[in-house]
Amino acid sequence: MEKDLGENGVHVAIQDDGFDEVGSIATNIADGFTMAAVGDLLYARPVTKGYHPGLDEVLTVLHGNDVVFGNLETNILDVQSKGCPQAEYGGAYLISVAEVGRDLSAMGFNMVSRANNHTLDWGVEGLRETSRALDENRIVHAGAGENLAQAGAARYLETPRGRAALVSFAATFEPMARACNPAGEAPGRPGLNALRLAKSVVVSADMLENLRQVREALPWYAPPPKDSSRVAIAEVVFKAGEKPGYSFEPNPRDVDNILRNVRQGKQFGDFCIATNHGHEPGGFSREPADYEQAFARKLIDAGADVYINHGPHHVRGIEIYKGRPIFYALGNFFNQDLRSPVGADMFDAHGKDPRIDTDAEVSAHEMAIGYPTAEGFIPLRDAEFYESVIGVSCFEDNQLAEIRLYPIELRRLNRFANRGVPRLAPAAQGHAILNRIQELSEAFGTKIEIDNGVGVIRLRSSSAKPLGAD
């Protein structure tokens, strides 16, 4: 016979002996399970053996957790023998030396996401070399592969307190980086697990009517949209709304594929992480895109125990949904500018000449430009891109007991060669970082206390000992 386990379970067939064939989506980990999560690893050169005062204190927070997760927003390869800079790239050619694989492992990272707008900066060979470096250092990675099935699949980490699954996808990506499956005699395409978004510009009703008149006055090579509530001009879609801005609609096929992989990740694992690389609506915004809350909740309903977004390069708010955390952006954990070599296309984009200018001068120019906004550009060297948190989630009785938020800063004022490496933020700066997250989380009904310089979200009384305590 069949039994529907409802919103918090899966539809399964029950055998005569009473055992279900699939299992519920409930969390199934031993008491004391902890997950340390950080945001983007813009990480070019190894740090564990270098001179970076205060890094040891950060690594103390990471060490001892069952899962240590981050988004690997770079490629690990020796470009002298493998890979080349692609004509289409994620805004900068992100590359790391081969030793970074060992360094990640030494810091404690054991799970990383791969789907982001830099996955194919150095082509398919760069993707494959990065996979090899992570595999050699026993770091579980998801989000990139030889076809869509491989890129989208959950990958698993065995821990003493349960098997953790990771499903990685990207809403922000370069079009040529999207993986696909075989079709007939056509082979699959290597790349990343994509969540395509249809973008609309939201304007007032009066502005939309004016745009409709503009469209009707011009010659067009395509018929108007079937949806009369929208106007399309030069591939930009406009729709009416109360507040000007941007709206996004996830591709239903991509949504179904991601939800299926999350569901299977929980069926084969005890704990499931769903992670998205999404800049939307833009790096200028401290609020998530309009689609993201509903989609994050769908992922949790499908079996995810946590949703983590990264990509804006600064922090956003935190929501607790059905006792599970939603991190709308954790900011940068590394922000190293040591990108070398740099492809010729990037020199051209920044008006530089490789015969005269250095790789560092190209990267510095890119950081100075930053994100466009209505008021101008926000340089990527601004303080908020060098401030973030480490989120440590503690679980008891298969429930989230608390989240501890350790504020970090990335040595923004250091010289070019040394900035971008994390250390625990000084008291005043750390308090300001946590205050920012407090304010951003209020909209989601999340209360964050500040206890001795650490942000704490308490869901239940916890006997878990704070990491780093004696």
Protein backbone atom coordinates (compact mmCIF):
# COMPACT_ATOMS: atom_id res chain seq x y z
CA MET A 1 0.00 0.00 0.00
CA GLU A 2 1.03 3.67 -0.29
CA LYS A 3 1.23 6.36 2.33
CA ASP A 4 1.60 10.12 1.84
CA LEU A 5 3.81 11.62 4.54
CA GLY A 6 2.53 15.11 3.71
CA GLU A 7 4.35 18.42 3.55
CA ASN A 8 7.25 17.27 5.71
CA GLY A 9 7.68 13.86 4.15
CA VAL A 10 7.84 12.05 0.84
CA HIS A 11 5.35 9.85 -0.94
CA VAL A 12 6.52 6.28 -0.37
CA ALA A 13 5.36 2.73 -0.75
CA ILE A 14 5.09 0.71 2.48
CA GLN A 15 6.18 -2.91 2.29
CA ASP A 16 4.40 -5.73 4.10
CA ASP A 17 7.13 -5.85 6.74
CA GLY A 18 6.39 -2.24 7.69
CA PHE A 19 9.61 -0.68 6.41
CA ASP A 20 9.31 2.22 3.99
CA GLU A 21 11.24 2.03 0.72
CA VAL A 22 12.50 5.61 0.77
CA GLY A 23 12.22 7.29 4.16
CA SER A 24 11.11 10.68 5.43
CA ILE A 25 12.87 13.99 4.87
CA ALA A 26 13.41 14.50 8.60
CA THR A 27 16.90 15.36 9.83
CA ASN A 28 18.71 12.22 11.03
CA ILE A 29 21.96 13.18 12.74
CA ALA A 30 23.52 12.46 16.12
CA ASP A 31 23.37 15.04 18.90
CA GLY A 32 26.11 17.64 18.72
CA PHE A 33 26.25 17.77 14.91
CA THR A 34 27.66 21.14 13.83
CA MET A 35 28.04 22.87 10.48
CA ALA A 36 30.32 25.86 9.95
CA ALA A 37 29.33 27.82 6.84
CA VAL A 38 31.06 30.73 5.15
CA GLY A 39 30.41 32.55 1.89
CA ASP A 40 32.70 33.11 -1.07
CA LEU A 41 36.26 31.80 -1.19
CA LEU A 42 37.93 34.36 -3.48
CA TYR A 43 41.15 32.62 -2.79
CA ALA A 44 44.30 32.62 -4.93
CA ARG A 45 47.29 31.59 -2.83
CA PRO A 46 47.76 29.35 0.24
CA VAL A 47 47.65 31.03 3.64
CA THR A 48 48.12 28.41 6.38
CA LYS A 49 51.92 28.58 6.24
CA GLY A 50 52.13 32.31 5.63
CA TYR A 51 52.30 35.33 7.93
CA HIS A 52 48.68 36.25 8.64
CA PRO A 53 48.31 37.19 12.33
CA GLY A 54 44.91 36.23 13.70
CA LEU A 55 44.16 33.57 11.09
CA ASP A 56 44.70 30.84 13.70
CA GLU A 57 41.81 32.19 15.76
CA VAL A 58 39.53 31.96 12.71
CA LEU A 59 40.64 28.39 12.03
CA THR A 60 39.83 27.50 15.65
CA VAL A 61 36.21 28.37 14.88
CA LEU A 62 36.27 26.09 11.82
CA HIS A 63 38.05 23.11 13.35
CA GLY A 64 36.02 20.43 15.08
CA ASN A 65 32.81 20.90 13.08
CA ASP A 66 31.31 17.95 11.27
CA VAL A 67 30.84 20.04 8.12
CA VAL A 68 32.89 23.07 7.07
CA PHE A 69 31.36 24.60 3.96
CA GLY A 70 32.27 27.44 1.59
CA ASN A 71 31.71 28.47 -2.03
CA LEU A 72 34.89 27.88 -4.05
CA GLU A 73 34.75 30.86 -6.40
CA THR A 74 37.97 30.12 -8.22
CA ASN A 75 39.73 27.51 -10.36
CA ILE A 76 42.68 25.48 -9.09
CA LEU A 77 45.09 24.72 -11.91
CA ASP A 78 48.53 25.15 -13.40
CA VAL A 79 47.69 27.30 -16.40
CA GLN A 80 51.08 26.56 -17.96
CA SER A 81 49.88 23.06 -18.77
CA LYS A 82 46.06 23.11 -18.55
CA GLY A 83 43.23 25.47 -19.42
CA CYS A 84 43.11 28.90 -21.02
CA PRO A 85 41.17 32.14 -20.38
CA GLN A 86 37.77 32.01 -22.04
CA ALA A 87 36.23 34.75 -24.18
CA GLU A 88 33.21 34.59 -21.86
CA TYR A 89 34.15 34.83 -18.18
CA GLY A 90 32.60 35.89 -14.88
CA GLY A 91 33.91 39.45 -14.75
CA ALA A 92 37.44 38.46 -13.71
CA TYR A 93 39.62 35.45 -14.41
CA LEU A 94 39.67 33.75 -11.00
CA ILE A 95 42.51 31.28 -10.63
CA SER A 96 44.39 29.66 -7.74
CA VAL A 97 47.73 27.90 -7.56
CA ALA A 98 47.74 24.12 -7.15
CA GLU A 99 48.69 24.30 -3.44
CA VAL A 100 45.30 25.81 -2.60
CA GLY A 101 43.68 22.36 -2.59
CA ARG A 102 45.91 21.20 0.26
CA ASP A 103 45.47 24.52 2.02
CA LEU A 104 41.67 24.26 1.96
CA SER A 105 41.89 20.85 3.57
CA ALA A 106 44.37 22.07 6.19
CA MET A 107 41.97 24.86 7.16
CA GLY A 108 39.23 22.29 7.74
CA PHE A 109 37.04 22.71 4.65
CA ASN A 110 35.46 19.40 3.66
CA MET A 111 32.53 20.52 1.46
CA VAL A 112 32.54 23.23 -1.22
CA SER A 113 30.10 24.39 -3.87
CA ARG A 114 31.33 24.80 -7.44
CA ALA A 115 28.42 26.37 -9.34
CA ASN A 116 29.08 30.10 -9.79
CA ASN A 117 29.82 32.66 -12.48
CA HIS A 118 33.53 31.74 -12.49
CA THR A 119 33.18 27.96 -12.92
CA LEU A 120 34.36 28.04 -16.55
CA ASP A 121 36.67 31.08 -16.52
CA TRP A 122 39.48 28.74 -17.61
CA GLY A 123 37.40 26.41 -19.76
CA VAL A 124 36.52 22.77 -19.37
CA GLU A 125 40.12 21.90 -18.54
CA GLY A 126 40.06 24.40 -15.68
CA LEU A 127 36.85 22.81 -14.40
CA ARG A 128 38.37 19.32 -14.56
CA GLU A 129 41.66 20.34 -12.95
CA THR A 130 39.77 21.94 -10.07
CA SER A 131 37.78 18.74 -9.58
CA ARG A 132 41.00 16.74 -9.53
CA ALA A 133 42.61 19.03 -6.94
CA LEU A 134 39.60 18.76 -4.65
CA ASP A 135 39.33 14.98 -5.07
CA GLU A 136 43.02 14.53 -4.26
CA ASN A 137 42.48 16.41 -1.00
CA ARG A 138 39.24 14.58 -0.14
CA ILE A 139 37.07 17.68 -0.28
CA VAL A 140 33.50 16.91 -1.33
CA HIS A 141 32.29 19.23 -4.08
CA ALA A 142 29.07 19.64 -6.04
CA GLY A 143 27.63 21.90 -8.74
CA ALA A 144 29.97 21.21 -11.69
CA GLY A 145 30.46 18.14 -13.84
CA GLU A 146 30.69 16.53 -17.25
CA ASN A 147 26.95 16.97 -17.85
CA LEU A 148 23.89 18.30 -16.05
CA ALA A 149 23.19 15.04 -14.25
CA GLN A 150 26.68 15.08 -12.71
CA ALA A 151 26.66 18.81 -11.98
CA GLY A 152 23.25 18.67 -10.31
CA ALA A 153 23.73 15.50 -8.29
CA ALA A 154 24.04 15.51 -4.53
CA ARG A 155 27.52 14.66 -3.25
CA TYR A 156 28.11 13.11 0.15
CA LEU A 157 30.42 13.46 3.13
CA GLU A 158 30.65 10.77 5.80
CA THR A 159 30.92 12.29 9.29
CA PRO A 160 30.87 10.63 12.73
CA ARG A 161 27.40 12.12 13.34
CA GLY A 162 25.76 11.38 10.00
CA ARG A 163 26.07 11.54 6.23
CA ALA A 164 25.91 15.10 4.84
CA ALA A 165 24.69 15.77 1.29
CA LEU A 166 25.44 18.86 -0.79
CA VAL A 167 23.44 20.14 -3.79
CA SER A 168 24.95 23.18 -5.49
CA PHE A 169 23.43 25.41 -8.19
CA ALA A 170 23.86 28.94 -9.54
CA ALA A 171 21.34 31.61 -10.47
CA THR A 172 24.20 33.88 -11.59
CA PHE A 173 26.33 32.31 -14.30
CA GLU A 174 27.73 32.84 -17.78
CA PRO A 175 25.42 31.40 -20.48
CA MET A 176 28.08 29.12 -22.00
CA ALA A 177 28.80 27.60 -18.57
CA ARG A 178 25.42 25.87 -18.25
CA ALA A 179 25.74 22.07 -18.26
CA CYS A 180 23.34 19.92 -20.28
CA ASN A 181 22.53 16.25 -20.59
CA PRO A 182 22.97 14.06 -23.72
CA ALA A 183 20.19 14.22 -26.30
CA GLY A 184 20.03 11.46 -28.89
CA GLU A 185 23.49 11.19 -30.43
CA ALA A 186 24.58 14.57 -29.02
CA PRO A 187 26.79 14.18 -25.95
CA GLY A 188 26.25 16.11 -22.75
CA ARG A 189 27.98 19.43 -22.11
CA PRO A 190 30.34 20.00 -19.16
CA GLY A 191 29.47 22.92 -16.94
CA LEU A 192 27.49 23.96 -13.90
CA ASN A 193 24.07 23.23 -12.43
CA ALA A 194 22.02 26.28 -13.45
CA LEU A 195 18.91 27.92 -12.07
CA ARG A 196 17.80 30.11 -14.97
CA LEU A 197 15.86 33.22 -14.03
CA ALA A 198 13.57 35.27 -16.26
CA LYS A 199 14.23 38.89 -15.32
CA SER A 200 11.66 41.69 -15.49
CA VAL A 201 12.01 45.39 -14.76
CA VAL A 202 9.21 46.58 -12.46
CA VAL A 203 7.80 50.04 -13.23
CA SER A 204 4.62 51.96 -12.40
CA ALA A 205 1.44 51.35 -14.42
CA ASP A 206 1.79 54.77 -16.09
CA MET A 207 5.38 54.06 -17.09
CA LEU A 208 4.36 50.68 -18.48
CA GLU A 209 1.70 52.31 -20.66
CA ASN A 210 4.27 54.79 -21.97
CA LEU A 211 6.61 51.92 -22.79
CA ARG A 212 3.80 50.12 -24.58
CA GLN A 213 3.32 53.18 -26.77
CA VAL A 214 7.05 53.28 -27.51
CA ARG A 215 7.00 49.66 -28.52
CA GLU A 216 4.03 50.11 -30.83
CA ALA A 217 5.69 53.08 -32.51
CA LEU A 218 8.82 51.13 -33.48
CA PRO A 219 9.30 48.34 -36.06
CA TRP A 220 9.77 44.92 -34.50
CA TYR A 221 10.98 41.60 -35.74
CA ALA A 222 9.02 39.59 -33.20
CA PRO A 223 5.41 39.63 -32.02
CA PRO A 224 4.57 41.25 -28.66
CA PRO A 225 4.54 39.07 -25.53
CA LYS A 226 1.51 36.83 -25.15
CA ASP A 227 1.13 38.21 -21.63
CA SER A 228 -0.54 41.61 -22.15
CA SER A 229 0.55 42.72 -18.66
CA ARG A 230 4.15 42.97 -19.87
CA VAL A 231 6.04 44.97 -22.47
CA ALA A 232 9.28 43.80 -24.09
CA ILE A 233 11.71 46.27 -25.66
CA ALA A 234 15.09 45.18 -27.01
CA GLU A 235 14.91 41.92 -25.00
CA VAL A 236 14.13 43.80 -21.77
CA VAL A 237 10.79 42.82 -20.22
CA PHE A 238 8.83 45.39 -18.23
CA LYS A 239 5.87 44.83 -15.94
CA ALA A 240 3.81 46.99 -13.58
CA GLY A 241 4.30 46.89 -9.83
CA GLU A 242 4.08 48.95 -6.66
CA LYS A 243 7.82 49.46 -6.22
CA PRO A 244 10.33 50.03 -9.06
CA GLY A 245 12.99 47.36 -9.17
CA TYR A 246 13.64 43.90 -10.56
CA SER A 247 11.61 40.70 -10.51
CA PHE A 248 12.75 37.15 -11.24
CA GLU A 249 10.91 33.97 -12.19
CA PRO A 250 12.81 30.68 -11.89
CA ASN A 251 12.75 28.30 -14.83
CA PRO A 252 10.24 25.53 -13.90
CA ARG A 253 12.37 22.79 -15.44
CA ASP A 254 15.45 23.87 -13.48
CA VAL A 255 13.38 24.12 -10.30
CA ASP A 256 12.06 20.57 -10.71
CA ASN A 257 15.56 19.23 -11.36
CA ILE A 258 17.03 20.95 -8.29
CA LEU A 259 14.17 19.88 -6.03
CA ARG A 260 14.52 16.28 -7.21
CA ASN A 261 18.25 16.30 -6.44
CA VAL A 262 17.64 17.79 -2.99
CA ARG A 263 14.99 15.15 -2.32
CA GLN A 264 17.38 12.40 -3.36
CA GLY A 265 20.18 14.00 -1.34
CA LYS A 266 18.10 13.61 1.81
CA GLN A 267 16.94 10.10 0.84
CA PHE A 268 20.57 8.97 0.58
CA GLY A 269 21.87 11.17 3.40
CA ASP A 270 21.04 12.28 6.91
CA PHE A 271 21.58 16.02 6.47
CA CYS A 272 21.25 18.03 3.24
CA ILE A 273 22.72 21.41 2.27
CA ALA A 274 21.20 23.32 -0.65
CA THR A 275 23.39 26.17 -1.86
CA ASN A 276 22.87 28.85 -4.48
CA HIS A 277 25.29 31.32 -6.06
CA GLY A 278 23.04 34.28 -6.78
CA HIS A 279 23.95 37.96 -7.12
CA GLU A 280 20.32 38.93 -7.76
CA PRO A 281 18.88 41.51 -7.67
CA GLY A 282 22.45 42.87 -7.64
CA GLY A 283 25.44 43.36 -5.39
CA PHE A 284 24.02 46.77 -4.50
CA SER A 285 21.06 45.21 -2.64
CA ARG A 286 21.02 44.07 0.96
CA GLU A 287 17.67 42.36 0.32
CA PRO A 288 17.36 39.00 -1.46
CA ALA A 289 15.73 38.74 -4.89
CA ASP A 290 11.95 38.51 -4.90
CA TYR A 291 11.91 34.83 -5.94
CA GLU A 292 14.39 33.62 -3.34
CA GLN A 293 12.39 33.28 -0.14
CA ALA A 294 9.68 31.13 -1.74
CA PHE A 295 12.28 29.00 -3.51
CA ALA A 296 14.43 28.53 -0.38
CA ARG A 297 11.33 27.34 1.48
CA LYS A 298 10.53 24.88 -1.32
CA LEU A 299 14.02 23.44 -0.97
CA ILE A 300 13.54 22.96 2.76
CA ASP A 301 10.14 21.37 2.17
CA ALA A 302 11.89 18.99 -0.27
CA GLY A 303 14.41 17.89 2.36
CA ALA A 304 17.12 20.54 2.70
CA ASP A 305 18.24 21.15 6.28
CA VAL A 306 19.82 24.48 5.38
CA TYR A 307 19.78 26.92 2.47
CA ILE A 308 22.89 29.02 1.85
CA ASN A 309 23.17 31.79 -0.74
CA HIS A 310 26.47 33.43 -1.69
CA GLY A 311 27.47 35.83 -4.41
CA PRO A 312 26.52 39.39 -3.36
CA HIS A 313 29.89 39.53 -1.51
CA HIS A 314 28.32 41.14 1.54
CA VAL A 315 26.01 39.89 4.27
CA ARG A 316 22.21 39.72 4.08
CA GLY A 317 19.62 38.58 6.59
CA ILE A 318 18.92 35.16 8.13
CA GLU A 319 15.55 33.43 8.32
CA ILE A 320 14.49 30.37 10.29
CA TYR A 321 11.86 28.36 8.42
CA LYS A 322 10.39 25.24 10.03
CA GLY A 323 13.37 25.15 12.37
CA ARG A 324 15.91 25.26 9.52
CA PRO A 325 18.24 28.15 8.68
CA ILE A 326 18.12 30.22 5.49
CA PHE A 327 21.25 32.32 4.99
CA TYR A 328 20.48 34.89 2.30
CA ALA A 329 24.17 35.86 1.98
CA LEU A 330 27.20 35.19 4.16
CA GLY A 331 29.61 37.58 2.43
CA ASN A 332 33.24 36.82 1.63
CA PHE A 333 35.48 34.54 3.65
CA PHE A 334 38.45 35.29 1.38
CA ASN A 335 38.81 38.34 -0.84
CA GLN A 336 42.31 38.00 -2.23
CA ASP A 337 43.11 40.16 -5.25
CA LEU A 338 46.14 38.09 -6.27
CA ARG A 339 44.73 37.02 -9.65
CA SER A 340 47.49 35.95 -11.97
CA PRO A 341 47.70 35.32 -14.85
CA VAL A 342 44.97 37.59 -16.21
CA GLY A 343 43.45 36.95 -19.64
CA ALA A 344 43.90 39.44 -22.47
CA ASP A 345 40.16 40.14 -22.61
CA MET A 346 40.24 41.52 -19.08
CA PHE A 347 43.11 43.86 -19.96
CA ASP A 348 41.00 45.15 -22.86
CA ALA A 349 37.88 45.52 -20.70
CA HIS A 350 39.77 47.76 -18.27
CA GLY A 351 41.71 49.74 -20.84
CA LYS A 352 45.03 48.20 -19.85
CA ASP A 353 47.95 46.98 -21.96
CA PRO A 354 49.70 43.71 -20.91
CA ARG A 355 52.96 45.10 -22.38
CA ILE A 356 52.83 48.00 -19.90
CA ASP A 357 50.41 47.24 -17.07
CA THR A 358 50.64 44.46 -14.49
CA ASP A 359 48.07 41.82 -13.51
CA ALA A 360 47.74 43.56 -10.15
CA GLU A 361 46.89 46.89 -11.79
CA VAL A 362 44.11 45.25 -13.81
CA SER A 363 42.65 43.62 -10.68
CA ALA A 364 42.88 46.88 -8.72
CA HIS A 365 40.99 48.69 -11.48
CA GLU A 366 38.26 46.03 -11.44
CA MET A 367 37.89 46.37 -7.65
CA ALA A 368 37.69 50.16 -7.94
CA ILE A 369 34.79 50.04 -10.42
CA GLY A 370 32.54 47.64 -8.50
CA TYR A 371 28.75 47.40 -8.81
CA PRO A 372 26.55 49.92 -10.66
CA THR A 373 23.68 51.55 -8.73
CA ALA A 374 21.25 54.39 -9.35
CA GLU A 375 23.59 56.69 -7.39
CA GLY A 376 26.75 55.51 -9.15
CA PHE A 377 29.13 52.62 -8.53
CA ILE A 378 29.85 50.80 -5.26
CA PRO A 379 33.58 49.94 -5.39
CA LEU A 380 34.35 46.33 -4.48
CA ARG A 381 37.05 47.66 -2.18
CA ASP A 382 34.42 49.25 0.11
CA ALA A 383 34.36 48.03 3.71
CA GLU A 384 31.23 45.86 3.52
CA PHE A 385 32.94 43.56 0.97
CA TYR A 386 35.64 42.86 3.57
CA GLU A 387 33.27 42.15 6.47
CA SER A 388 31.28 38.97 7.04
CA VAL A 389 30.56 36.16 9.47
CA ILE A 390 31.17 32.48 10.05
CA GLY A 391 27.84 30.81 10.83
CA VAL A 392 28.07 27.75 13.08
CA SER A 393 24.80 25.82 13.33
CA CYS A 394 24.42 23.37 16.22
CA PHE A 395 21.85 20.54 16.25
CA GLU A 396 20.36 18.47 19.08
CA ASP A 397 17.58 15.88 18.93
CA ASN A 398 17.58 16.34 15.14
CA GLN A 399 16.61 19.98 15.61
CA LEU A 400 18.51 23.21 15.13
CA ALA A 401 19.40 24.39 18.64
CA GLU A 402 21.35 27.56 17.92
CA ILE A 403 23.41 29.46 15.37
CA ARG A 404 26.55 31.30 16.44
CA LEU A 405 27.77 34.12 14.19
CA TYR A 406 31.47 34.99 14.43
CA PRO A 407 32.21 38.37 12.79
CA ILE A 408 35.34 38.51 10.65
CA GLU A 409 37.12 41.19 8.63
CA LEU A 410 39.47 40.61 5.71
CA ARG A 411 42.34 43.08 6.33
CA ARG A 412 40.94 45.65 3.93
CA LEU A 413 43.56 48.26 4.85
CA ASN A 414 46.53 45.95 4.32
CA ARG A 415 48.71 46.37 1.26
CA PHE A 416 47.50 44.72 -1.95
CA ALA A 417 49.59 41.56 -1.53
CA ASN A 418 48.27 40.79 1.96
CA ARG A 419 44.63 41.87 2.07
CA GLY A 420 41.64 39.56 1.78
CA VAL A 421 42.60 36.98 4.45
CA PRO A 422 40.17 36.61 7.38
CA ARG A 423 40.72 37.38 11.04
CA LEU A 424 38.22 37.86 13.86
CA ALA A 425 36.92 41.42 13.74
CA PRO A 426 37.95 43.83 16.51
CA ALA A 427 35.20 44.44 19.08
CA ALA A 428 33.73 47.67 17.66
CA GLN A 429 33.85 46.48 14.07
CA GLY A 430 32.47 43.06 14.99
CA HIS A 431 29.58 44.69 16.85
CA ALA A 432 28.79 46.81 13.77
CA ILE A 433 28.79 43.73 11.52
CA LEU A 434 26.42 41.89 13.86
CA ASN A 435 24.17 44.93 14.20
CA ARG A 436 23.86 45.02 10.41
CA ILE A 437 22.81 41.36 10.30
CA GLN A 438 20.41 41.95 13.20
CA GLU A 439 18.65 44.69 11.26
CA LEU A 440 18.57 42.71 8.02
CA SER A 441 17.17 39.64 9.81
CA GLU A 442 14.34 41.49 11.57
CA ALA A 443 12.28 41.43 8.37
CA PHE A 444 12.30 37.62 8.62
CA GLY A 445 11.31 37.58 12.28
CA THR A 446 14.74 36.39 13.37
CA LYS A 447 16.11 37.60 16.69
CA ILE A 448 19.88 37.77 17.07
CA GLU A 449 21.47 38.40 20.45
CA ILE A 450 25.05 39.59 20.84
CA ASP A 451 26.92 37.66 23.50
CA ASN A 452 30.56 38.53 24.17
CA GLY A 453 31.13 39.63 20.57
CA VAL A 454 29.33 36.66 18.98
CA GLY A 455 25.87 36.75 17.44
CA VAL A 456 23.55 34.03 18.75
CA ILE A 457 20.23 32.78 17.38
CA ARG A 458 18.68 30.54 20.02
CA LEU A 459 15.92 28.16 19.04
CA ARG A 460 16.01 25.95 22.13
CA SER A 461 18.14 25.46 25.22
CA SER A 462 21.41 23.95 24.12
CA SER A 463 24.08 22.10 26.01
CA ALA A 464 26.41 22.48 23.04
CA LYS A 465 29.70 24.02 24.10
CA PRO A 466 30.64 27.15 22.10
CA LEU A 467 33.41 26.33 19.67
CA GLY A 468 36.75 27.69 20.74
CA ALA A 469 35.81 27.55 24.46
CA ASP A 470 38.08 25.78 26.92
